[in-house]
Amino acid sequence: MSADVCARPVGDARAFRLVGDGGDVAEANAFLRSLALRGLAPRTVRAYAMDFVREG
């Protein structure tokens, strides 16, 4: 991921998506959506989003 990527809450802040320039942003967001659809806790999804940003 690029350094120009950040995690943002979406809607009621129960979902998080990555925003920014980077080839992997769409794939990472698909993964985050799958976690939310599986019913994982919002903080768990947020933790994954933040890991994507940090590991960039």
PDB file of N, CA and C in Angstrom:
ATOM      1  N   MET A   1       0.838  -1.182   0.000  1.00  0.00           N
ATOM      2  CA  MET A   1       0.000   0.000   0.000  1.00  0.00           C
ATOM      3  C   MET A   1       0.887   1.250   0.000  1.00  0.00           C
ATOM      4  N   SER A   2       0.312   2.284  -0.470  1.00  0.00           N
ATOM      5  CA  SER A   2       1.000   3.563  -0.533  1.00  0.00           C
ATOM      6  C   SER A   2       0.878   4.299   0.795  1.00  0.00           C
ATOM      7  N   ALA A   3       1.758   5.239   1.037  1.00  0.00           N
ATOM      8  CA  ALA A   3       1.672   6.060   2.240  1.00  0.00           C
ATOM      9  C   ALA A   3       0.482   7.006   2.172  1.00  0.00           C
ATOM     10  N   ASP A   4      -0.150   7.125   1.006  1.00  0.00           N
ATOM     11  CA  ASP A   4      -1.291   8.011   0.835  1.00  0.00           C
ATOM     12  C   ASP A   4      -2.611   7.302   1.107  1.00  0.00           C
ATOM     13  N   VAL A   5      -2.585   6.231   1.879  1.00  0.00           N
ATOM     14  CA  VAL A   5      -3.784   5.455   2.174  1.00  0.00           C
ATOM     15  C   VAL A   5      -4.130   5.634   3.634  1.00  0.00           C
ATOM     16  N   CYS A   6      -5.425   5.822   3.918  1.00  0.00           N
ATOM     17  CA  CYS A   6      -5.877   5.908   5.301  1.00  0.00           C
ATOM     18  C   CYS A   6      -7.186   5.134   5.459  1.00  0.00           C
ATOM     19  N   ALA A   7      -7.509   4.785   6.686  1.00  0.00           N
ATOM     20  CA  ALA A   7      -8.751   4.072   6.986  1.00  0.00           C
ATOM     21  C   ALA A   7      -9.794   5.086   7.439  1.00  0.00           C
ATOM     22  N   ARG A   8     -10.994   4.978   6.878  1.00  0.00           N
ATOM     23  CA  ARG A   8     -12.090   5.891   7.218  1.00  0.00           C
ATOM     24  C   ARG A   8     -13.335   5.111   7.581  1.00  0.00           C
ATOM     25  N   PRO A   9     -14.101   5.605   8.562  1.00  0.00           N
ATOM     26  CA  PRO A   9     -15.384   4.961   8.851  1.00  0.00           C
ATOM     27  C   PRO A   9     -16.377   5.242   7.725  1.00  0.00           C
ATOM     28  N   VAL A  10     -17.261   4.290   7.497  1.00  0.00           N
ATOM     29  CA  VAL A  10     -18.270   4.419   6.450  1.00  0.00           C
ATOM     30  C   VAL A  10     -19.641   4.291   7.090  1.00  0.00           C
ATOM     31  N   GLY A  11     -20.563   5.143   6.688  1.00  0.00           N
ATOM     32  CA  GLY A  11     -21.931   5.045   7.203  1.00  0.00           C
ATOM     33  C   GLY A  11     -21.988   5.317   8.692  1.00  0.00           C
ATOM     34  N   ASP A  12     -22.497   4.350   9.435  1.00  0.00           N
ATOM     35  CA  ASP A  12     -22.679   4.525  10.875  1.00  0.00           C
ATOM     36  C   ASP A  12     -21.414   4.191  11.665  1.00  0.00           C
ATOM     37  N   ALA A  13     -20.266   4.214  11.010  1.00  0.00           N
ATOM     38  CA  ALA A  13     -18.948   3.956  11.606  1.00  0.00           C
ATOM     39  C   ALA A  13     -18.806   2.515  12.076  1.00  0.00           C
ATOM     40  N   ARG A  14     -19.684   1.631  11.634  1.00  0.00           N
ATOM     41  CA  ARG A  14     -19.540   0.213  11.952  1.00  0.00           C
ATOM     42  C   ARG A  14     -18.692  -0.482  10.888  1.00  0.00           C
ATOM     43  N   ALA A  15     -18.442   0.211   9.784  1.00  0.00           N
ATOM     44  CA  ALA A  15     -17.638  -0.349   8.698  1.00  0.00           C
ATOM     45  C   ALA A  15     -16.481   0.602   8.410  1.00  0.00           C
ATOM     46  N   PHE A  16     -15.372   0.038   8.033  1.00  0.00           N
ATOM     47  CA  PHE A  16     -14.204   0.843   7.686  1.00  0.00           C
ATOM     48  C   PHE A  16     -13.730   0.473   6.301  1.00  0.00           C
ATOM     49  N   ARG A  17     -13.296   1.470   5.558  1.00  0.00           N
ATOM     50  CA  ARG A  17     -12.767   1.280   4.215  1.00  0.00           C
ATOM     51  C   ARG A  17     -11.475   2.059   4.096  1.00  0.00           C
ATOM     52  N   LEU A  18     -10.631   1.620   3.194  1.00  0.00           N
ATOM     53  CA  LEU A  18      -9.404   2.343   2.907  1.00  0.00           C
ATOM     54  C   LEU A  18      -9.678   3.369   1.823  1.00  0.00           C
ATOM     55  N   VAL A  19      -9.062   4.521   1.977  1.00  0.00           N
ATOM     56  CA  VAL A  19      -9.219   5.606   1.017  1.00  0.00           C
ATOM     57  C   VAL A  19      -7.824   6.043   0.607  1.00  0.00           C
ATOM     58  N   GLY A  20      -7.616   6.217  -0.695  1.00  0.00           N
ATOM     59  CA  GLY A  20      -6.330   6.725  -1.140  1.00  0.00           C
ATOM     60  C   GLY A  20      -5.879   6.099  -2.437  1.00  0.00           C
ATOM     61  N   ASP A  21      -4.659   6.446  -2.778  1.00  0.00           N
ATOM     62  CA  ASP A  21      -4.044   5.956  -4.008  1.00  0.00           C
ATOM     63  C   ASP A  21      -3.233   4.708  -3.692  1.00  0.00           C
ATOM     64  N   GLY A  22      -3.546   3.672  -4.373  1.00  0.00           N
ATOM     65  CA  GLY A  22      -2.796   2.440  -4.171  1.00  0.00           C
ATOM     66  C   GLY A  22      -3.460   1.318  -4.935  1.00  0.00           C
ATOM     67  N   GLY A  23      -2.672   0.488  -5.545  1.00  0.00           N
ATOM     68  CA  GLY A  23      -3.210  -0.588  -6.354  1.00  0.00           C
ATOM     69  C   GLY A  23      -3.954  -1.637  -5.558  1.00  0.00           C
ATOM     70  N   ASP A  24      -3.633  -1.750  -4.283  1.00  0.00           N
ATOM     71  CA  ASP A  24      -4.241  -2.788  -3.462  1.00  0.00           C
ATOM     72  C   ASP A  24      -5.451  -2.305  -2.666  1.00  0.00           C
ATOM     73  N   VAL A  25      -5.822  -1.046  -2.790  1.00  0.00           N
ATOM     74  CA  VAL A  25      -6.919  -0.496  -2.000  1.00  0.00           C
ATOM     75  C   VAL A  25      -8.232  -1.224  -2.299  1.00  0.00           C
ATOM     76  N   ALA A  26      -8.532  -1.471  -3.564  1.00  0.00           N
ATOM     77  CA  ALA A  26      -9.779  -2.148  -3.925  1.00  0.00           C
ATOM     78  C   ALA A  26      -9.813  -3.566  -3.359  1.00  0.00           C
ATOM     79  N   GLU A  27      -8.694  -4.266  -3.443  1.00  0.00           N
ATOM     80  CA  GLU A  27      -8.638  -5.629  -2.903  1.00  0.00           C
ATOM     81  C   GLU A  27      -8.764  -5.623  -1.382  1.00  0.00           C
ATOM     82  N   ALA A  28      -8.115  -4.681  -0.729  1.00  0.00           N
ATOM     83  CA  ALA A  28      -8.206  -4.590   0.727  1.00  0.00           C
ATOM     84  C   ALA A  28      -9.630  -4.262   1.157  1.00  0.00           C
ATOM     85  N   ASN A  29     -10.291  -3.359   0.434  1.00  0.00           N
ATOM     86  CA  ASN A  29     -11.672  -3.020   0.768  1.00  0.00           C
ATOM     87  C   ASN A  29     -12.610  -4.205   0.557  1.00  0.00           C
ATOM     88  N   ALA A  30     -12.363  -5.009  -0.451  1.00  0.00           N
ATOM     89  CA  ALA A  30     -13.168  -6.214  -0.653  1.00  0.00           C
ATOM     90  C   ALA A  30     -13.003  -7.157   0.530  1.00  0.00           C
ATOM     91  N   PHE A  31     -11.775  -7.276   1.022  1.00  0.00           N
ATOM     92  CA  PHE A  31     -11.526  -8.116   2.185  1.00  0.00           C
ATOM     93  C   PHE A  31     -12.238  -7.563   3.421  1.00  0.00           C
ATOM     94  N   LEU A  32     -12.158  -6.241   3.634  1.00  0.00           N
ATOM     95  CA  LEU A  32     -12.825  -5.626   4.783  1.00  0.00           C
ATOM     96  C   LEU A  32     -14.339  -5.820   4.702  1.00  0.00           C
ATOM     97  N   ARG A  33     -14.908  -5.709   3.489  1.00  0.00           N
ATOM     98  CA  ARG A  33     -16.349  -5.956   3.321  1.00  0.00           C
ATOM     99  C   ARG A  33     -16.700  -7.386   3.676  1.00  0.00           C
ATOM    100  N   SER A  34     -15.844  -8.322   3.288  1.00  0.00           N
ATOM    101  CA  SER A  34     -16.129  -9.729   3.596  1.00  0.00           C
ATOM    102  C   SER A  34     -16.107  -9.965   5.103  1.00  0.00           C
ATOM    103  N   LEU A  35     -15.231  -9.285   5.809  1.00  0.00           N
ATOM    104  CA  LEU A  35     -15.201  -9.422   7.269  1.00  0.00           C
ATOM    105  C   LEU A  35     -16.488  -8.903   7.888  1.00  0.00           C
ATOM    106  N   ALA A  36     -16.950  -7.750   7.391  1.00  0.00           N
ATOM    107  CA  ALA A  36     -18.192  -7.172   7.910  1.00  0.00           C
ATOM    108  C   ALA A  36     -19.383  -8.077   7.597  1.00  0.00           C
ATOM    109  N   LEU A  37     -19.407  -8.653   6.405  1.00  0.00           N
ATOM    110  CA  LEU A  37     -20.505  -9.552   6.033  1.00  0.00           C
ATOM    111  C   LEU A  37     -20.508 -10.820   6.879  1.00  0.00           C
ATOM    112  N   ARG A  38     -19.352 -11.247   7.320  1.00  0.00           N
ATOM    113  CA  ARG A  38     -19.263 -12.421   8.191  1.00  0.00           C
ATOM    114  C   ARG A  38     -19.716 -12.107   9.604  1.00  0.00           C
ATOM    115  N   GLY A  39     -19.928 -10.827   9.898  1.00  0.00           N
ATOM    116  CA  GLY A  39     -20.433 -10.432  11.206  1.00  0.00           C
ATOM    117  C   GLY A  39     -19.375 -10.184  12.255  1.00  0.00           C
ATOM    118  N   LEU A  40     -18.126  -9.976  11.824  1.00  0.00           N
ATOM    119  CA  LEU A  40     -17.090  -9.670  12.794  1.00  0.00           C
ATOM    120  C   LEU A  40     -17.384  -8.323  13.446  1.00  0.00           C
ATOM    121  N   ALA A  41     -16.911  -8.151  14.647  1.00  0.00           N
ATOM    122  CA  ALA A  41     -17.134  -6.912  15.393  1.00  0.00           C
ATOM    123  C   ALA A  41     -16.527  -5.731  14.642  1.00  0.00           C
ATOM    124  N   PRO A  42     -17.188  -4.576  14.709  1.00  0.00           N
ATOM    125  CA  PRO A  42     -16.667  -3.391  14.014  1.00  0.00           C
ATOM    126  C   PRO A  42     -15.227  -3.044  14.408  1.00  0.00           C
ATOM    127  N   ARG A  43     -14.883  -3.239  15.663  1.00  0.00           N
ATOM    128  CA  ARG A  43     -13.511  -2.926  16.080  1.00  0.00           C
ATOM    129  C   ARG A  43     -12.503  -3.899  15.477  1.00  0.00           C
ATOM    130  N   THR A  44     -12.930  -5.114  15.223  1.00  0.00           N
ATOM    131  CA  THR A  44     -12.053  -6.084  14.571  1.00  0.00           C
ATOM    132  C   THR A  44     -11.793  -5.663  13.128  1.00  0.00           C
ATOM    133  N   VAL A  45     -12.847  -5.243  12.433  1.00  0.00           N
ATOM    134  CA  VAL A  45     -12.699  -4.782  11.050  1.00  0.00           C
ATOM    135  C   VAL A  45     -11.813  -3.540  11.021  1.00  0.00           C
ATOM    136  N   ARG A  46     -12.000  -2.647  11.983  1.00  0.00           N
ATOM    137  CA  ARG A  46     -11.177  -1.449  12.064  1.00  0.00           C
ATOM    138  C   ARG A  46      -9.715  -1.828  12.284  1.00  0.00           C
ATOM    139  N   ALA A  47      -9.467  -2.807  13.136  1.00  0.00           N
ATOM    140  CA  ALA A  47      -8.088  -3.237  13.391  1.00  0.00           C
ATOM    141  C   ALA A  47      -7.429  -3.759  12.120  1.00  0.00           C
ATOM    142  N   TYR A  48      -8.176  -4.541  11.344  1.00  0.00           N
ATOM    143  CA  TYR A  48      -7.636  -5.021  10.070  1.00  0.00           C
ATOM    144  C   TYR A  48      -7.341  -3.841   9.141  1.00  0.00           C
ATOM    145  N   ALA A  49      -8.246  -2.881   9.086  1.00  0.00           N
ATOM    146  CA  ALA A  49      -8.039  -1.704   8.222  1.00  0.00           C
ATOM    147  C   ALA A  49      -6.779  -0.948   8.633  1.00  0.00           C
ATOM    148  N   MET A  50      -6.613  -0.763   9.929  1.00  0.00           N
ATOM    149  CA  MET A  50      -5.428  -0.054  10.393  1.00  0.00           C
ATOM    150  C   MET A  50      -4.153  -0.838  10.131  1.00  0.00           C
ATOM    151  N   ASP A  51      -4.236  -2.172  10.197  1.00  0.00           N
ATOM    152  CA  ASP A  51      -3.064  -2.991   9.871  1.00  0.00           C
ATOM    153  C   ASP A  51      -2.667  -2.810   8.409  1.00  0.00           C
ATOM    154  N   PHE A  52      -3.665  -2.748   7.526  1.00  0.00           N
ATOM    155  CA  PHE A  52      -3.363  -2.510   6.106  1.00  0.00           C
ATOM    156  C   PHE A  52      -2.629  -1.177   5.938  1.00  0.00           C
ATOM    157  N   VAL A  53      -3.072  -0.161   6.652  1.00  0.00           N
ATOM    158  CA  VAL A  53      -2.460   1.162   6.525  1.00  0.00           C
ATOM    159  C   VAL A  53      -1.024   1.123   7.058  1.00  0.00           C
ATOM    160  N   ARG A  54      -0.825   0.506   8.216  1.00  0.00           N
ATOM    161  CA  ARG A  54       0.514   0.457   8.825  1.00  0.00           C
ATOM    162  C   ARG A  54       1.490  -0.388   8.027  1.00  0.00           C
ATOM    163  N   GLU A  55       1.018  -1.501   7.502  1.00  0.00           N
ATOM    164  CA  GLU A  55       1.909  -2.420   6.790  1.00  0.00           C
ATOM    165  C   GLU A  55       2.245  -1.936   5.387  1.00  0.00           C
ATOM    166  N   GLY A  56       1.464  -0.928   4.924  1.00  0.00           N
ATOM    167  CA  GLY A  56       1.590  -0.318   3.633  1.00  0.00           C
ATOM    168  C   GLY A  56       2.797  -0.596   2.901  1.00  0.00           C
TER     169      GLY A  56
END
